[in-house]
Amino acid sequence: QDEEIRPVLDALTAMATKPAKLACPIASAWVAASTHGNILILRTGIGLVSTANALGWAMARFTPKVVLSTGSAGGLAADIRVGDVVVGTSYTYGTADATAFGYERGQVPGQPAVFTGATELLEHCTLDLREGLMLASDSFVTAANVGAMRENFPEALTTDMETTAAAQVCHSWNVPFISIRCVSDLCGPSADEDYHMELDHASEASAR
């Protein structure tokens, strides 16, 4: 979303060069030059398909060395708090269910049961971050549907609507990937209120 990409663009303006708008038919894109090479910034839009579509375009046009996903997420773990920053060590789909055919919960047929965060990127996460399993689906998780997700994935820390799709695309292209998300709500009765109250703060924290 706009709120999630803005602090990333601001940080790159301060640390590298002001990002220049790049023509992209399916997302908003910018490029910033740095001493380590060009940095492509994508505002993918919301959801698994939008994310996979935008990232597939980037993979086909460029040759990225790494992919980082930032933004907000809903907190699932019992001890997670609004404002906590989480980095994913593994990723799966919160609503995928092909268990009738022998697959694990969260696994899409033909894909791994979980996608793994790149070790070489996790080693650079020196801030006070939580590490663990992240979920993604095309549903905004609230009190009405969070119970089953927590039951099916008791070890999951967060859920959002993009991360696992990005992890799958990076797995297909063999590009190192991690997601860093700040918890903007606790998937509880007041999820909508907390989400809108904390989105700017969450976006700033994940960008840092």
N, C-alpha and C. Protein backbone atom coordinates (compact mmCIF):
# COMPACT_ATOMS: atom_id res chain seq x y z
N GLN A 1 0.84 -1.18 0.00
CA GLN A 1 0.00 0.00 0.00
C GLN A 1 0.88 1.25 0.00
N ASP A 2 0.26 2.40 -0.26
CA ASP A 2 1.01 3.66 -0.27
C ASP A 2 1.71 3.89 1.07
N GLU A 3 0.99 3.61 2.18
CA GLU A 3 1.58 3.84 3.50
C GLU A 3 2.79 2.95 3.74
N GLU A 4 2.80 1.76 3.12
CA GLU A 4 3.90 0.82 3.35
C GLU A 4 5.12 1.12 2.50
N ILE A 5 4.92 1.68 1.31
CA ILE A 5 6.05 1.95 0.42
C ILE A 5 6.70 3.30 0.72
N ARG A 6 5.93 4.24 1.27
CA ARG A 6 6.45 5.60 1.47
C ARG A 6 7.72 5.65 2.32
N PRO A 7 7.77 4.97 3.49
CA PRO A 7 9.00 5.05 4.29
C PRO A 7 10.20 4.38 3.63
N VAL A 8 9.96 3.40 2.76
CA VAL A 8 11.05 2.77 2.02
C VAL A 8 11.65 3.77 1.04
N LEU A 9 10.79 4.47 0.31
CA LEU A 9 11.27 5.49 -0.62
C LEU A 9 12.00 6.62 0.11
N ASP A 10 11.48 7.02 1.26
CA ASP A 10 12.13 8.08 2.04
C ASP A 10 13.51 7.63 2.52
N ALA A 11 13.62 6.38 2.96
CA ALA A 11 14.90 5.88 3.46
C ALA A 11 15.93 5.82 2.35
N LEU A 12 15.51 5.39 1.17
CA LEU A 12 16.45 5.31 0.05
C LEU A 12 16.86 6.69 -0.43
N THR A 13 15.96 7.65 -0.34
CA THR A 13 16.29 9.03 -0.70
C THR A 13 17.40 9.55 0.22
N ALA A 14 17.33 9.18 1.49
CA ALA A 14 18.31 9.65 2.47
C ALA A 14 19.63 8.89 2.37
N MET A 15 19.58 7.61 2.01
CA MET A 15 20.77 6.75 2.08
C MET A 15 21.43 6.52 0.73
N ALA A 16 20.68 6.60 -0.35
CA ALA A 16 21.23 6.32 -1.68
C ALA A 16 20.97 7.51 -2.59
N THR A 17 20.10 7.36 -3.56
CA THR A 17 19.66 8.47 -4.39
C THR A 17 18.15 8.48 -4.41
N LYS A 18 17.58 9.63 -4.73
CA LYS A 18 16.13 9.72 -4.78
C LYS A 18 15.60 8.74 -5.84
N PRO A 19 14.70 7.84 -5.45
CA PRO A 19 14.19 6.86 -6.41
C PRO A 19 13.49 7.53 -7.58
N ALA A 20 13.78 7.04 -8.77
CA ALA A 20 13.17 7.56 -10.00
C ALA A 20 12.04 6.62 -10.42
N LYS A 21 10.92 7.19 -10.85
CA LYS A 21 9.78 6.38 -11.28
C LYS A 21 10.17 5.56 -12.51
N LEU A 22 9.71 4.33 -12.50
CA LEU A 22 10.01 3.39 -13.57
C LEU A 22 8.71 2.91 -14.19
N ALA A 23 8.66 2.80 -15.51
CA ALA A 23 7.44 2.33 -16.16
C ALA A 23 7.21 0.86 -15.85
N CYS A 24 6.03 0.56 -15.34
CA CYS A 24 5.64 -0.82 -15.02
C CYS A 24 4.15 -0.95 -15.27
N PRO A 25 3.73 -1.91 -16.10
CA PRO A 25 2.32 -2.00 -16.47
C PRO A 25 1.41 -2.57 -15.39
N ILE A 26 1.97 -3.19 -14.36
CA ILE A 26 1.13 -3.92 -13.40
C ILE A 26 1.36 -3.54 -11.95
N ALA A 27 2.26 -2.59 -11.69
CA ALA A 27 2.54 -2.17 -10.32
C ALA A 27 3.16 -0.79 -10.37
N SER A 28 3.41 -0.21 -9.20
CA SER A 28 4.18 1.02 -9.12
C SER A 28 5.63 0.65 -8.86
N ALA A 29 6.56 1.24 -9.62
CA ALA A 29 7.96 0.85 -9.52
C ALA A 29 8.86 2.08 -9.54
N TRP A 30 9.95 1.97 -8.79
CA TRP A 30 10.98 3.00 -8.76
C TRP A 30 12.33 2.30 -8.78
N VAL A 31 13.38 3.04 -9.14
CA VAL A 31 14.74 2.50 -9.06
C VAL A 31 15.62 3.55 -8.40
N ALA A 32 16.48 3.10 -7.50
CA ALA A 32 17.43 3.97 -6.81
C ALA A 32 18.82 3.40 -6.98
N ALA A 33 19.79 4.27 -7.27
CA ALA A 33 21.17 3.83 -7.40
C ALA A 33 21.84 3.85 -6.04
N SER A 34 22.69 2.86 -5.78
CA SER A 34 23.47 2.82 -4.55
C SER A 34 24.86 2.29 -4.86
N THR A 35 25.73 2.31 -3.87
CA THR A 35 27.10 1.81 -4.08
C THR A 35 27.12 0.30 -4.28
N HIS A 36 26.03 -0.36 -3.96
CA HIS A 36 25.93 -1.81 -4.13
C HIS A 36 25.16 -2.19 -5.39
N GLY A 37 24.80 -1.20 -6.20
CA GLY A 37 24.04 -1.48 -7.40
C GLY A 37 22.66 -0.86 -7.33
N ASN A 38 21.87 -1.05 -8.36
CA ASN A 38 20.53 -0.48 -8.41
C ASN A 38 19.58 -1.23 -7.47
N ILE A 39 18.68 -0.49 -6.87
CA ILE A 39 17.66 -1.06 -6.00
C ILE A 39 16.30 -0.80 -6.64
N LEU A 40 15.58 -1.86 -6.93
CA LEU A 40 14.23 -1.75 -7.48
C LEU A 40 13.22 -1.78 -6.34
N ILE A 41 12.31 -0.84 -6.35
CA ILE A 41 11.26 -0.77 -5.33
C ILE A 41 9.92 -0.99 -6.00
N LEU A 42 9.14 -1.93 -5.48
CA LEU A 42 7.83 -2.25 -6.06
C LEU A 42 6.73 -2.05 -5.04
N ARG A 43 5.71 -1.33 -5.43
CA ARG A 43 4.45 -1.31 -4.68
C ARG A 43 3.53 -2.27 -5.42
N THR A 44 3.41 -3.48 -4.90
CA THR A 44 2.77 -4.56 -5.65
C THR A 44 1.26 -4.45 -5.71
N GLY A 45 0.67 -3.79 -4.70
CA GLY A 45 -0.77 -3.90 -4.52
C GLY A 45 -1.06 -5.02 -3.54
N ILE A 46 -2.32 -5.15 -3.16
CA ILE A 46 -2.72 -6.08 -2.11
C ILE A 46 -3.06 -7.45 -2.68
N GLY A 47 -2.60 -8.49 -2.01
CA GLY A 47 -3.02 -9.85 -2.35
C GLY A 47 -1.94 -10.70 -2.99
N LEU A 48 -2.17 -12.01 -2.98
CA LEU A 48 -1.20 -12.97 -3.48
C LEU A 48 -0.97 -12.82 -4.98
N VAL A 49 -2.03 -12.66 -5.74
CA VAL A 49 -1.89 -12.59 -7.20
C VAL A 49 -1.19 -11.31 -7.61
N SER A 50 -1.57 -10.19 -7.01
CA SER A 50 -0.90 -8.93 -7.34
C SER A 50 0.58 -9.01 -7.04
N THR A 51 0.92 -9.62 -5.92
CA THR A 51 2.33 -9.75 -5.54
C THR A 51 3.09 -10.63 -6.51
N ALA A 52 2.55 -11.79 -6.81
CA ALA A 52 3.23 -12.72 -7.73
C ALA A 52 3.35 -12.11 -9.13
N ASN A 53 2.32 -11.40 -9.55
CA ASN A 53 2.33 -10.77 -10.86
C ASN A 53 3.44 -9.73 -10.96
N ALA A 54 3.51 -8.84 -9.97
CA ALA A 54 4.52 -7.78 -9.99
C ALA A 54 5.92 -8.34 -9.86
N LEU A 55 6.10 -9.32 -8.98
CA LEU A 55 7.43 -9.87 -8.77
C LEU A 55 7.88 -10.71 -9.97
N GLY A 56 6.95 -11.39 -10.61
CA GLY A 56 7.29 -12.13 -11.83
C GLY A 56 7.77 -11.20 -12.93
N TRP A 57 7.11 -10.03 -13.04
CA TRP A 57 7.56 -9.03 -14.01
C TRP A 57 8.98 -8.60 -13.71
N ALA A 58 9.28 -8.34 -12.44
CA ALA A 58 10.61 -7.90 -12.05
C ALA A 58 11.66 -8.97 -12.32
N MET A 59 11.33 -10.22 -12.03
CA MET A 59 12.27 -11.32 -12.25
C MET A 59 12.59 -11.48 -13.74
N ALA A 60 11.59 -11.31 -14.58
CA ALA A 60 11.79 -11.50 -16.01
C ALA A 60 12.56 -10.34 -16.64
N ARG A 61 12.41 -9.14 -16.08
CA ARG A 61 13.05 -7.97 -16.67
C ARG A 61 14.44 -7.72 -16.11
N PHE A 62 14.65 -8.04 -14.84
CA PHE A 62 15.92 -7.76 -14.17
C PHE A 62 16.54 -9.06 -13.67
N THR A 63 17.68 -8.95 -13.01
CA THR A 63 18.32 -10.12 -12.40
C THR A 63 18.61 -9.79 -10.94
N PRO A 64 17.61 -9.83 -10.10
CA PRO A 64 17.80 -9.43 -8.70
C PRO A 64 18.71 -10.39 -7.94
N LYS A 65 19.55 -9.81 -7.07
CA LYS A 65 20.41 -10.63 -6.22
C LYS A 65 19.66 -11.13 -4.99
N VAL A 66 18.78 -10.29 -4.46
CA VAL A 66 17.97 -10.64 -3.30
C VAL A 66 16.62 -9.93 -3.43
N VAL A 67 15.64 -10.42 -2.69
CA VAL A 67 14.33 -9.77 -2.61
C VAL A 67 13.95 -9.64 -1.14
N LEU A 68 13.57 -8.42 -0.75
CA LEU A 68 13.10 -8.14 0.61
C LEU A 68 11.66 -7.66 0.52
N SER A 69 10.81 -8.18 1.38
CA SER A 69 9.42 -7.72 1.46
C SER A 69 9.21 -7.04 2.80
N THR A 70 8.66 -5.82 2.77
CA THR A 70 8.39 -5.10 4.01
C THR A 70 6.93 -4.68 4.04
N GLY A 71 6.47 -4.32 5.23
CA GLY A 71 5.09 -3.86 5.36
C GLY A 71 4.50 -4.25 6.70
N SER A 72 3.19 -4.35 6.72
CA SER A 72 2.47 -4.65 7.95
C SER A 72 1.96 -6.09 7.93
N ALA A 73 1.57 -6.57 9.11
CA ALA A 73 1.03 -7.92 9.23
C ALA A 73 0.13 -8.00 10.45
N GLY A 74 -0.71 -9.01 10.47
CA GLY A 74 -1.51 -9.31 11.65
C GLY A 74 -0.77 -10.26 12.56
N GLY A 75 -0.86 -10.03 13.86
CA GLY A 75 -0.17 -10.89 14.82
C GLY A 75 -1.02 -12.10 15.20
N LEU A 76 -0.39 -13.28 15.21
CA LEU A 76 -1.09 -14.53 15.53
C LEU A 76 -0.64 -15.12 16.86
N ALA A 77 0.64 -15.10 17.15
CA ALA A 77 1.16 -15.75 18.35
C ALA A 77 0.57 -15.12 19.61
N ALA A 78 0.42 -15.92 20.66
CA ALA A 78 -0.20 -15.44 21.89
C ALA A 78 0.59 -14.31 22.53
N ASP A 79 1.91 -14.31 22.32
CA ASP A 79 2.75 -13.30 22.98
C ASP A 79 3.18 -12.18 22.04
N ILE A 80 2.59 -12.12 20.85
CA ILE A 80 2.95 -11.06 19.90
C ILE A 80 2.22 -9.78 20.28
N ARG A 81 2.81 -8.64 19.98
CA ARG A 81 2.22 -7.36 20.34
C ARG A 81 2.24 -6.42 19.14
N VAL A 82 1.28 -5.51 19.09
CA VAL A 82 1.28 -4.47 18.07
C VAL A 82 2.59 -3.70 18.18
N GLY A 83 3.27 -3.53 17.06
CA GLY A 83 4.55 -2.84 17.04
C GLY A 83 5.74 -3.77 16.99
N ASP A 84 5.55 -5.08 17.28
CA ASP A 84 6.65 -6.04 17.15
C ASP A 84 7.06 -6.16 15.69
N VAL A 85 8.35 -6.26 15.43
CA VAL A 85 8.85 -6.46 14.07
C VAL A 85 9.31 -7.91 13.95
N VAL A 86 8.84 -8.57 12.90
CA VAL A 86 9.07 -10.01 12.72
C VAL A 86 9.77 -10.23 11.39
N VAL A 87 10.77 -11.10 11.39
CA VAL A 87 11.40 -11.54 10.14
C VAL A 87 11.08 -13.02 9.96
N GLY A 88 10.70 -13.38 8.75
CA GLY A 88 10.30 -14.75 8.48
C GLY A 88 11.48 -15.68 8.27
N THR A 89 11.49 -16.78 9.01
CA THR A 89 12.44 -17.85 8.73
C THR A 89 11.82 -18.91 7.82
N SER A 90 10.47 -18.94 7.78
CA SER A 90 9.75 -19.85 6.89
C SER A 90 8.39 -19.24 6.58
N TYR A 91 7.79 -19.70 5.46
CA TYR A 91 6.56 -19.11 4.95
C TYR A 91 5.67 -20.20 4.38
N THR A 92 4.37 -20.11 4.66
CA THR A 92 3.42 -21.02 4.04
C THR A 92 2.07 -20.32 3.90
N TYR A 93 1.12 -21.00 3.24
CA TYR A 93 -0.19 -20.40 2.97
C TYR A 93 -1.17 -20.74 4.09
N GLY A 94 -1.75 -19.72 4.70
CA GLY A 94 -2.61 -19.93 5.84
C GLY A 94 -3.92 -20.61 5.55
N THR A 95 -4.40 -20.53 4.31
CA THR A 95 -5.70 -21.12 3.98
C THR A 95 -5.61 -22.23 2.95
N ALA A 96 -4.41 -22.62 2.54
CA ALA A 96 -4.27 -23.72 1.57
C ALA A 96 -4.53 -25.05 2.26
N ASP A 97 -5.37 -25.89 1.65
CA ASP A 97 -5.71 -27.17 2.26
C ASP A 97 -5.91 -28.23 1.19
N ALA A 98 -4.84 -29.00 0.92
CA ALA A 98 -4.92 -30.15 0.03
C ALA A 98 -4.59 -31.42 0.80
N THR A 99 -4.94 -31.40 2.11
CA THR A 99 -4.63 -32.55 2.96
C THR A 99 -5.37 -33.81 2.52
N ALA A 100 -6.48 -33.65 1.83
CA ALA A 100 -7.23 -34.81 1.32
C ALA A 100 -6.41 -35.62 0.33
N PHE A 101 -5.38 -34.99 -0.26
CA PHE A 101 -4.54 -35.67 -1.24
C PHE A 101 -3.15 -35.96 -0.68
N GLY A 102 -3.00 -35.85 0.64
CA GLY A 102 -1.75 -36.21 1.27
C GLY A 102 -0.76 -35.09 1.45
N TYR A 103 -1.15 -33.86 1.13
CA TYR A 103 -0.25 -32.72 1.31
C TYR A 103 -0.39 -32.17 2.73
N GLU A 104 0.60 -31.41 3.16
CA GLU A 104 0.55 -30.79 4.47
C GLU A 104 -0.35 -29.56 4.43
N ARG A 105 -0.90 -29.21 5.59
CA ARG A 105 -1.69 -27.99 5.68
C ARG A 105 -0.84 -26.79 5.30
N GLY A 106 -1.35 -25.95 4.42
CA GLY A 106 -0.61 -24.78 3.95
C GLY A 106 0.18 -25.01 2.69
N GLN A 107 0.27 -26.26 2.25
CA GLN A 107 1.09 -26.60 1.08
C GLN A 107 0.25 -26.60 -0.19
N VAL A 108 0.74 -25.92 -1.22
CA VAL A 108 0.13 -25.97 -2.54
C VAL A 108 0.71 -27.16 -3.29
N PRO A 109 -0.12 -28.02 -3.88
CA PRO A 109 0.41 -29.17 -4.62
C PRO A 109 1.48 -28.78 -5.62
N GLY A 110 2.58 -29.52 -5.58
CA GLY A 110 3.69 -29.23 -6.47
C GLY A 110 4.71 -28.27 -5.89
N GLN A 111 4.40 -27.69 -4.71
CA GLN A 111 5.30 -26.75 -4.06
C GLN A 111 5.77 -27.32 -2.72
N PRO A 112 6.86 -26.79 -2.15
CA PRO A 112 7.29 -27.25 -0.83
C PRO A 112 6.22 -26.98 0.23
N ALA A 113 6.28 -27.72 1.32
CA ALA A 113 5.35 -27.48 2.42
C ALA A 113 5.57 -26.09 3.02
N VAL A 114 6.82 -25.67 3.09
CA VAL A 114 7.16 -24.31 3.53
C VAL A 114 8.28 -23.78 2.64
N PHE A 115 8.31 -22.49 2.48
CA PHE A 115 9.41 -21.81 1.80
C PHE A 115 10.31 -21.23 2.88
N THR A 116 11.61 -21.33 2.69
CA THR A 116 12.57 -20.98 3.74
C THR A 116 13.19 -19.61 3.48
N GLY A 117 13.29 -18.81 4.54
CA GLY A 117 13.99 -17.54 4.45
C GLY A 117 15.48 -17.76 4.25
N ALA A 118 16.10 -16.91 3.44
CA ALA A 118 17.51 -17.08 3.10
C ALA A 118 18.41 -16.84 4.31
N THR A 119 19.23 -17.84 4.62
CA THR A 119 20.11 -17.75 5.79
C THR A 119 21.04 -16.55 5.70
N GLU A 120 21.58 -16.29 4.49
CA GLU A 120 22.54 -15.19 4.35
C GLU A 120 21.90 -13.83 4.58
N LEU A 121 20.58 -13.74 4.40
CA LEU A 121 19.88 -12.49 4.69
C LEU A 121 19.49 -12.41 6.16
N LEU A 122 19.07 -13.54 6.74
CA LEU A 122 18.70 -13.56 8.15
C LEU A 122 19.88 -13.16 9.03
N GLU A 123 21.09 -13.51 8.61
CA GLU A 123 22.28 -13.18 9.39
C GLU A 123 22.52 -11.68 9.47
N HIS A 124 21.94 -10.91 8.56
CA HIS A 124 22.11 -9.45 8.57
C HIS A 124 21.04 -8.75 9.40
N CYS A 125 20.09 -9.49 9.92
CA CYS A 125 19.01 -8.89 10.72
C CYS A 125 19.49 -8.75 12.16
N THR A 126 20.15 -7.65 12.44
CA THR A 126 20.76 -7.46 13.75
C THR A 126 19.87 -6.70 14.73
N LEU A 127 18.75 -6.20 14.26
CA LEU A 127 17.85 -5.47 15.15
C LEU A 127 17.12 -6.44 16.07
N ASP A 128 16.34 -5.90 16.99
CA ASP A 128 15.59 -6.71 17.94
C ASP A 128 14.32 -7.23 17.26
N LEU A 129 14.48 -8.28 16.47
CA LEU A 129 13.37 -8.83 15.69
C LEU A 129 12.96 -10.19 16.22
N ARG A 130 11.67 -10.49 16.08
CA ARG A 130 11.20 -11.85 16.30
C ARG A 130 11.43 -12.64 15.02
N GLU A 131 11.76 -13.90 15.12
CA GLU A 131 11.98 -14.76 13.95
C GLU A 131 11.06 -15.96 14.03
N GLY A 132 10.49 -16.35 12.87
CA GLY A 132 9.65 -17.53 12.87
C GLY A 132 8.81 -17.64 11.61
N LEU A 133 7.74 -18.42 11.72
CA LEU A 133 6.86 -18.73 10.59
C LEU A 133 5.91 -17.58 10.31
N MET A 134 5.82 -17.21 9.03
CA MET A 134 4.84 -16.24 8.56
C MET A 134 3.84 -16.94 7.64
N LEU A 135 2.58 -16.57 7.75
CA LEU A 135 1.54 -17.07 6.87
C LEU A 135 1.08 -15.97 5.93
N ALA A 136 0.46 -16.37 4.82
CA ALA A 136 -0.19 -15.40 3.93
C ALA A 136 -1.40 -16.06 3.29
N SER A 137 -2.41 -15.26 3.02
CA SER A 137 -3.61 -15.74 2.33
C SER A 137 -4.29 -14.54 1.71
N ASP A 138 -5.37 -14.76 0.99
CA ASP A 138 -6.13 -13.67 0.40
C ASP A 138 -7.28 -13.23 1.29
N SER A 139 -7.20 -13.57 2.59
CA SER A 139 -8.22 -13.15 3.55
C SER A 139 -7.59 -12.25 4.60
N PHE A 140 -8.28 -11.16 4.93
CA PHE A 140 -7.87 -10.33 6.06
C PHE A 140 -8.36 -11.03 7.32
N VAL A 141 -7.43 -11.39 8.19
CA VAL A 141 -7.76 -12.21 9.35
C VAL A 141 -8.28 -11.35 10.49
N THR A 142 -9.46 -11.69 10.99
CA THR A 142 -10.09 -11.02 12.12
C THR A 142 -10.52 -12.07 13.14
N ALA A 143 -11.22 -11.64 14.18
CA ALA A 143 -11.69 -12.57 15.20
C ALA A 143 -12.59 -13.65 14.62
N ALA A 144 -13.27 -13.34 13.52
CA ALA A 144 -14.21 -14.29 12.93
C ALA A 144 -13.52 -15.51 12.32
N ASN A 145 -12.28 -15.36 11.85
CA ASN A 145 -11.62 -16.49 11.18
C ASN A 145 -10.23 -16.81 11.71
N VAL A 146 -9.82 -16.15 12.80
CA VAL A 146 -8.46 -16.38 13.29
C VAL A 146 -8.31 -17.69 14.05
N GLY A 147 -9.42 -18.19 14.62
CA GLY A 147 -9.33 -19.39 15.45
C GLY A 147 -8.77 -20.59 14.71
N ALA A 148 -9.29 -20.87 13.51
CA ALA A 148 -8.83 -22.02 12.74
C ALA A 148 -7.38 -21.85 12.32
N MET A 149 -6.97 -20.63 11.99
CA MET A 149 -5.60 -20.40 11.56
C MET A 149 -4.62 -20.65 12.70
N ARG A 150 -4.96 -20.19 13.88
CA ARG A 150 -4.10 -20.44 15.04
C ARG A 150 -4.07 -21.92 15.39
N GLU A 151 -5.19 -22.60 15.24
CA GLU A 151 -5.23 -24.03 15.53
C GLU A 151 -4.40 -24.81 14.53
N ASN A 152 -4.49 -24.46 13.25
CA ASN A 152 -3.77 -25.19 12.21
C ASN A 152 -2.28 -24.88 12.21
N PHE A 153 -1.91 -23.65 12.64
CA PHE A 153 -0.52 -23.23 12.63
C PHE A 153 -0.16 -22.60 13.97
N PRO A 154 -0.06 -23.41 15.02
CA PRO A 154 0.17 -22.87 16.36
C PRO A 154 1.50 -22.15 16.51
N GLU A 155 2.46 -22.43 15.62
CA GLU A 155 3.78 -21.81 15.73
C GLU A 155 3.89 -20.52 14.92
N ALA A 156 2.85 -20.17 14.16
CA ALA A 156 2.92 -18.99 13.29
C ALA A 156 2.93 -17.70 14.11
N LEU A 157 3.76 -16.76 13.67
CA LEU A 157 3.84 -15.46 14.34
C LEU A 157 2.92 -14.43 13.73
N THR A 158 2.83 -14.41 12.39
CA THR A 158 2.06 -13.36 11.71
C THR A 158 1.32 -13.92 10.50
N THR A 159 0.41 -13.11 9.99
CA THR A 159 -0.26 -13.41 8.73
C THR A 159 -0.45 -12.11 7.96
N ASP A 160 -0.30 -12.20 6.64
CA ASP A 160 -0.54 -11.04 5.78
C ASP A 160 -1.11 -11.54 4.45
N MET A 161 -1.13 -10.69 3.43
CA MET A 161 -1.79 -11.06 2.18
C MET A 161 -0.83 -11.11 0.99
N GLU A 162 0.49 -11.10 1.27
CA GLU A 162 1.45 -11.09 0.16
C GLU A 162 2.66 -12.01 0.33
N THR A 163 3.16 -12.17 1.54
CA THR A 163 4.50 -12.70 1.77
C THR A 163 4.76 -14.05 1.13
N THR A 164 3.90 -15.02 1.32
CA THR A 164 4.18 -16.37 0.83
C THR A 164 4.20 -16.42 -0.69
N ALA A 165 3.38 -15.59 -1.33
CA ALA A 165 3.42 -15.53 -2.79
C ALA A 165 4.79 -15.05 -3.26
N ALA A 166 5.34 -14.04 -2.59
CA ALA A 166 6.68 -13.56 -2.93
C ALA A 166 7.72 -14.64 -2.67
N ALA A 167 7.57 -15.37 -1.57
CA ALA A 167 8.50 -16.45 -1.25
C ALA A 167 8.46 -17.54 -2.32
N GLN A 168 7.27 -17.86 -2.81
CA GLN A 168 7.14 -18.89 -3.84
C GLN A 168 7.79 -18.44 -5.15
N VAL A 169 7.57 -17.20 -5.56
CA VAL A 169 8.18 -16.70 -6.79
C VAL A 169 9.70 -16.73 -6.66
N CYS A 170 10.23 -16.29 -5.52
CA CYS A 170 11.68 -16.29 -5.33
C CYS A 170 12.24 -17.71 -5.31
N HIS A 171 11.49 -18.64 -4.75
CA HIS A 171 11.90 -20.05 -4.77
C HIS A 171 11.99 -20.56 -6.20
N SER A 172 11.01 -20.20 -7.02
CA SER A 172 10.99 -20.65 -8.41
C SER A 172 12.17 -20.09 -9.20
N TRP A 173 12.57 -18.85 -8.88
CA TRP A 173 13.67 -18.20 -9.59
C TRP A 173 15.01 -18.36 -8.87
N ASN A 174 15.00 -19.07 -7.75
CA ASN A 174 16.23 -19.32 -6.98
C ASN A 174 16.90 -18.02 -6.55
N VAL A 175 16.09 -17.10 -6.02
CA VAL A 175 16.59 -15.81 -5.54
C VAL A 175 16.38 -15.75 -4.03
N PRO A 176 17.41 -15.40 -3.25
CA PRO A 176 17.27 -15.32 -1.79
C PRO A 176 16.18 -14.33 -1.39
N PHE A 177 15.41 -14.69 -0.36
CA PHE A 177 14.24 -13.90 0.03
C PHE A 177 14.06 -13.91 1.54
N ILE A 178 13.67 -12.75 2.08
CA ILE A 178 13.09 -12.69 3.43
C ILE A 178 12.02 -11.62 3.45
N SER A 179 11.11 -11.76 4.41
CA SER A 179 10.09 -10.74 4.65
C SER A 179 10.27 -10.21 6.06
N ILE A 180 10.19 -8.87 6.19
CA ILE A 180 10.24 -8.21 7.48
C ILE A 180 8.95 -7.42 7.63
N ARG A 181 8.16 -7.77 8.61
CA ARG A 181 6.83 -7.15 8.77
C ARG A 181 6.65 -6.69 10.21
N CYS A 182 5.99 -5.57 10.36
CA CYS A 182 5.65 -5.06 11.68
C CYS A 182 4.17 -5.34 11.96
N VAL A 183 3.89 -5.83 13.15
CA VAL A 183 2.52 -6.20 13.52
C VAL A 183 1.68 -4.94 13.69
N SER A 184 0.62 -4.85 12.89
CA SER A 184 -0.25 -3.67 12.93
C SER A 184 -1.58 -3.95 13.63
N ASP A 185 -1.91 -5.21 13.85
CA ASP A 185 -3.12 -5.56 14.59
C ASP A 185 -2.95 -6.97 15.12
N LEU A 186 -3.84 -7.37 16.02
CA LEU A 186 -3.72 -8.68 16.67
C LEU A 186 -4.81 -9.64 16.22
N CYS A 187 -5.42 -9.39 15.06
CA CYS A 187 -6.44 -10.29 14.51
C CYS A 187 -7.56 -10.55 15.51
N GLY A 188 -7.86 -9.55 16.32
CA GLY A 188 -8.90 -9.71 17.33
C GLY A 188 -10.14 -8.92 16.99
N PRO A 189 -11.05 -8.76 17.96
CA PRO A 189 -12.31 -8.06 17.70
C PRO A 189 -12.13 -6.64 17.17
N SER A 190 -11.04 -5.96 17.58
CA SER A 190 -10.82 -4.59 17.14
C SER A 190 -9.77 -4.51 16.04
N ALA A 191 -9.66 -5.58 15.24
CA ALA A 191 -8.59 -5.64 14.23
C ALA A 191 -8.66 -4.48 13.26
N ASP A 192 -9.84 -4.13 12.81
CA ASP A 192 -9.96 -3.05 11.84
C ASP A 192 -9.48 -1.72 12.43
N GLU A 193 -9.87 -1.45 13.67
CA GLU A 193 -9.46 -0.21 14.31
C GLU A 193 -7.96 -0.18 14.52
N ASP A 194 -7.39 -1.26 15.07
CA ASP A 194 -5.96 -1.31 15.31
C ASP A 194 -5.18 -1.19 14.00
N TYR A 195 -5.68 -1.83 12.96
CA TYR A 195 -5.00 -1.81 11.67
C TYR A 195 -4.84 -0.38 11.17
N HIS A 196 -5.88 0.38 11.19
CA HIS A 196 -5.82 1.74 10.66
C HIS A 196 -5.05 2.67 11.60
N MET A 197 -5.09 2.39 12.89
CA MET A 197 -4.35 3.23 13.82
C MET A 197 -2.85 3.01 13.72
N GLU A 198 -2.43 1.82 13.42
CA GLU A 198 -1.02 1.47 13.53
C GLU A 198 -0.31 1.31 12.19
N LEU A 199 -0.98 1.48 11.06
CA LEU A 199 -0.36 1.18 9.77
C LEU A 199 0.86 2.05 9.50
N ASP A 200 0.77 3.35 9.75
CA ASP A 200 1.91 4.23 9.50
C ASP A 200 3.10 3.83 10.37
N HIS A 201 2.83 3.57 11.64
CA HIS A 201 3.90 3.18 12.57
C HIS A 201 4.50 1.84 12.13
N ALA A 202 3.66 0.89 11.77
CA ALA A 202 4.15 -0.43 11.36
C ALA A 202 5.00 -0.33 10.12
N SER A 203 4.59 0.50 9.18
CA SER A 203 5.33 0.64 7.93
C SER A 203 6.70 1.26 8.17
N GLU A 204 6.75 2.28 9.05
CA GLU A 204 8.03 2.90 9.39
C GLU A 204 8.96 1.88 10.05
N ALA A 205 8.42 1.09 10.98
CA ALA A 205 9.25 0.13 11.71
C ALA A 205 9.79 -0.96 10.80
N SER A 206 8.97 -1.47 9.91
CA SER A 206 9.43 -2.53 9.00
C SER A 206 10.45 -1.98 8.01
N ALA A 207 10.27 -0.73 7.57
CA ALA A 207 11.24 -0.13 6.65
C ALA A 207 12.59 0.05 7.32
N ARG A 208 12.60 0.46 8.57
CA ARG A 208 13.87 0.60 9.30
C ARG A 208 14.57 -0.74 9.41
